[in-house]
Amino acid sequence: MTIDECPHCGTCLRGNEIPEERRQYYSYATHYSRVIGQEIRGVYDGVLFWSCPDCGGCWHRWPEGHYLRVRAENYVTTGEIS
């Protein structure tokens, strides 16, 4: 997942630089990400959708038509995570 700015507020989601000697553990990415992966217990065992640490806006991880996108829709549109 690579997204450099929030689709809601436009803030930069690029984090601090990853030290050169550790990049191999991060698929050779150069910077950490500030994007928050949201998991909802009982819905999916993994990241269901993404959110911004600054504005709290949420967006889909899954493409149109994917069954997990349908399951995430309520959380993404309401922004309510409980």
C-alpha atoms as a PDB file:
ATOM      1  CA  MET A   1       0.000   0.000   0.000  1.00  0.00           C
ATOM      2  CA  THR A   2       1.520   3.260  -1.045  1.00  0.00           C
ATOM      3  CA  ILE A   3      -0.414   6.460  -0.643  1.00  0.00           C
ATOM      4  CA  ASP A   4       1.402   9.731  -0.116  1.00  0.00           C
ATOM      5  CA  GLU A   5      -1.487  12.011   0.804  1.00  0.00           C
ATOM      6  CA  CYS A   6      -4.868  11.745   2.472  1.00  0.00           C
ATOM      7  CA  PRO A   7      -7.715  11.740  -0.056  1.00  0.00           C
ATOM      8  CA  HIS A   8      -9.789  13.806   2.414  1.00  0.00           C
ATOM      9  CA  CYS A   9      -7.547  16.526   3.832  1.00  0.00           C
ATOM     10  CA  GLY A  10      -4.519  16.295   1.532  1.00  0.00           C
ATOM     11  CA  THR A  11      -1.991  16.017   4.367  1.00  0.00           C
ATOM     12  CA  CYS A  12       1.283  14.225   3.672  1.00  0.00           C
ATOM     13  CA  LEU A  13       1.170  10.644   4.920  1.00  0.00           C
ATOM     14  CA  ARG A  14       4.844   9.990   4.368  1.00  0.00           C
ATOM     15  CA  GLY A  15       6.560   9.261   7.673  1.00  0.00           C
ATOM     16  CA  ASN A  16      10.156   9.425   8.808  1.00  0.00           C
ATOM     17  CA  GLU A  17      12.950   8.013   6.696  1.00  0.00           C
ATOM     18  CA  ILE A  18      13.690   4.309   7.176  1.00  0.00           C
ATOM     19  CA  PRO A  19      17.369   3.776   8.033  1.00  0.00           C
ATOM     20  CA  GLU A  20      19.273   2.343   5.068  1.00  0.00           C
ATOM     21  CA  GLU A  21      20.252  -0.818   6.974  1.00  0.00           C
ATOM     22  CA  ARG A  22      16.588  -1.619   7.739  1.00  0.00           C
ATOM     23  CA  ARG A  23      15.006  -0.966   4.342  1.00  0.00           C
ATOM     24  CA  GLN A  24      15.322  -4.598   3.304  1.00  0.00           C
ATOM     25  CA  TYR A  25      12.726  -5.437   5.967  1.00  0.00           C
ATOM     26  CA  TYR A  26      10.262  -2.938   4.459  1.00  0.00           C
ATOM     27  CA  SER A  27      10.403  -4.063   0.814  1.00  0.00           C
ATOM     28  CA  TYR A  28      13.077  -1.416   0.307  1.00  0.00           C
ATOM     29  CA  ALA A  29      10.712   1.485   0.963  1.00  0.00           C
ATOM     30  CA  THR A  30      12.527   4.714   1.820  1.00  0.00           C
ATOM     31  CA  HIS A  31      10.018   6.114   4.355  1.00  0.00           C
ATOM     32  CA  TYR A  32       7.600   4.805   6.929  1.00  0.00           C
ATOM     33  CA  SER A  33       3.892   5.453   6.362  1.00  0.00           C
ATOM     34  CA  ARG A  34       1.607   7.423   8.659  1.00  0.00           C
ATOM     35  CA  VAL A  35      -1.512   5.699   7.261  1.00  0.00           C
ATOM     36  CA  ILE A  36      -3.470   3.791   9.897  1.00  0.00           C
ATOM     37  CA  GLY A  37      -4.724   0.348   8.909  1.00  0.00           C
ATOM     38  CA  GLN A  38      -8.054  -0.371  10.605  1.00  0.00           C
ATOM     39  CA  GLU A  39      -9.028  -3.878  11.654  1.00  0.00           C
ATOM     40  CA  ILE A  40     -12.527  -4.732  12.802  1.00  0.00           C
ATOM     41  CA  ARG A  41     -12.691  -7.867  14.938  1.00  0.00           C
ATOM     42  CA  GLY A  42     -15.232 -10.339  13.642  1.00  0.00           C
ATOM     43  CA  VAL A  43     -15.356  -8.738  10.189  1.00  0.00           C
ATOM     44  CA  TYR A  44     -11.913  -9.487   8.735  1.00  0.00           C
ATOM     45  CA  ASP A  45      -8.625 -10.712  10.205  1.00  0.00           C
ATOM     46  CA  GLY A  46      -6.406  -8.003   8.761  1.00  0.00           C
ATOM     47  CA  VAL A  47      -6.551  -4.408   7.566  1.00  0.00           C
ATOM     48  CA  LEU A  48     -10.092  -3.739   6.329  1.00  0.00           C
ATOM     49  CA  PHE A  49      -9.683  -0.046   5.407  1.00  0.00           C
ATOM     50  CA  TRP A  50      -7.301   2.893   5.870  1.00  0.00           C
ATOM     51  CA  SER A  51      -7.601   6.100   7.883  1.00  0.00           C
ATOM     52  CA  CYS A  52      -5.744   9.394   8.238  1.00  0.00           C
ATOM     53  CA  PRO A  53      -4.046  10.177  11.575  1.00  0.00           C
ATOM     54  CA  ASP A  54      -4.747  13.906  11.127  1.00  0.00           C
ATOM     55  CA  CYS A  55      -8.359  14.259   9.984  1.00  0.00           C
ATOM     56  CA  GLY A  56      -9.684  10.760  10.747  1.00  0.00           C
ATOM     57  CA  GLY A  57     -10.969  10.359   7.188  1.00  0.00           C
ATOM     58  CA  CYS A  58     -11.345   6.765   5.996  1.00  0.00           C
ATOM     59  CA  TRP A  59     -10.988   5.170   2.569  1.00  0.00           C
ATOM     60  CA  HIS A  60     -11.248   1.727   1.052  1.00  0.00           C
ATOM     61  CA  ARG A  61      -8.441  -0.769   0.805  1.00  0.00           C
ATOM     62  CA  TRP A  62     -10.330  -3.079  -1.528  1.00  0.00           C
ATOM     63  CA  PRO A  63     -11.393  -2.480  -5.162  1.00  0.00           C
ATOM     64  CA  GLU A  64     -14.986  -2.014  -6.351  1.00  0.00           C
ATOM     65  CA  GLY A  65     -16.911  -5.283  -6.303  1.00  0.00           C
ATOM     66  CA  HIS A  66     -14.663  -7.024  -3.756  1.00  0.00           C
ATOM     67  CA  TYR A  67     -16.701  -8.642  -0.984  1.00  0.00           C
ATOM     68  CA  LEU A  68     -14.506  -7.048   1.716  1.00  0.00           C
ATOM     69  CA  ARG A  69     -15.180  -3.596   0.300  1.00  0.00           C
ATOM     70  CA  VAL A  70     -18.881  -4.242   0.845  1.00  0.00           C
ATOM     71  CA  ARG A  71     -18.202  -5.343   4.439  1.00  0.00           C
ATOM     72  CA  ALA A  72     -16.098  -2.218   5.077  1.00  0.00           C
ATOM     73  CA  GLU A  73     -18.570   0.240   3.515  1.00  0.00           C
ATOM     74  CA  ASN A  74     -20.432   1.168   6.712  1.00  0.00           C
ATOM     75  CA  TYR A  75     -17.206   1.853   8.621  1.00  0.00           C
ATOM     76  CA  VAL A  76     -15.690   3.891   5.779  1.00  0.00           C
ATOM     77  CA  THR A  77     -18.773   6.038   5.174  1.00  0.00           C
ATOM     78  CA  THR A  78     -19.628   6.693   8.824  1.00  0.00           C
ATOM     79  CA  GLY A  79     -16.073   6.811  10.148  1.00  0.00           C
ATOM     80  CA  GLU A  80     -17.281   5.024  13.280  1.00  0.00           C
ATOM     81  CA  ILE A  81     -14.838   2.486  14.627  1.00  0.00           C
ATOM     82  CA  SER A  82     -15.813   0.763  17.833  1.00  0.00           C
END
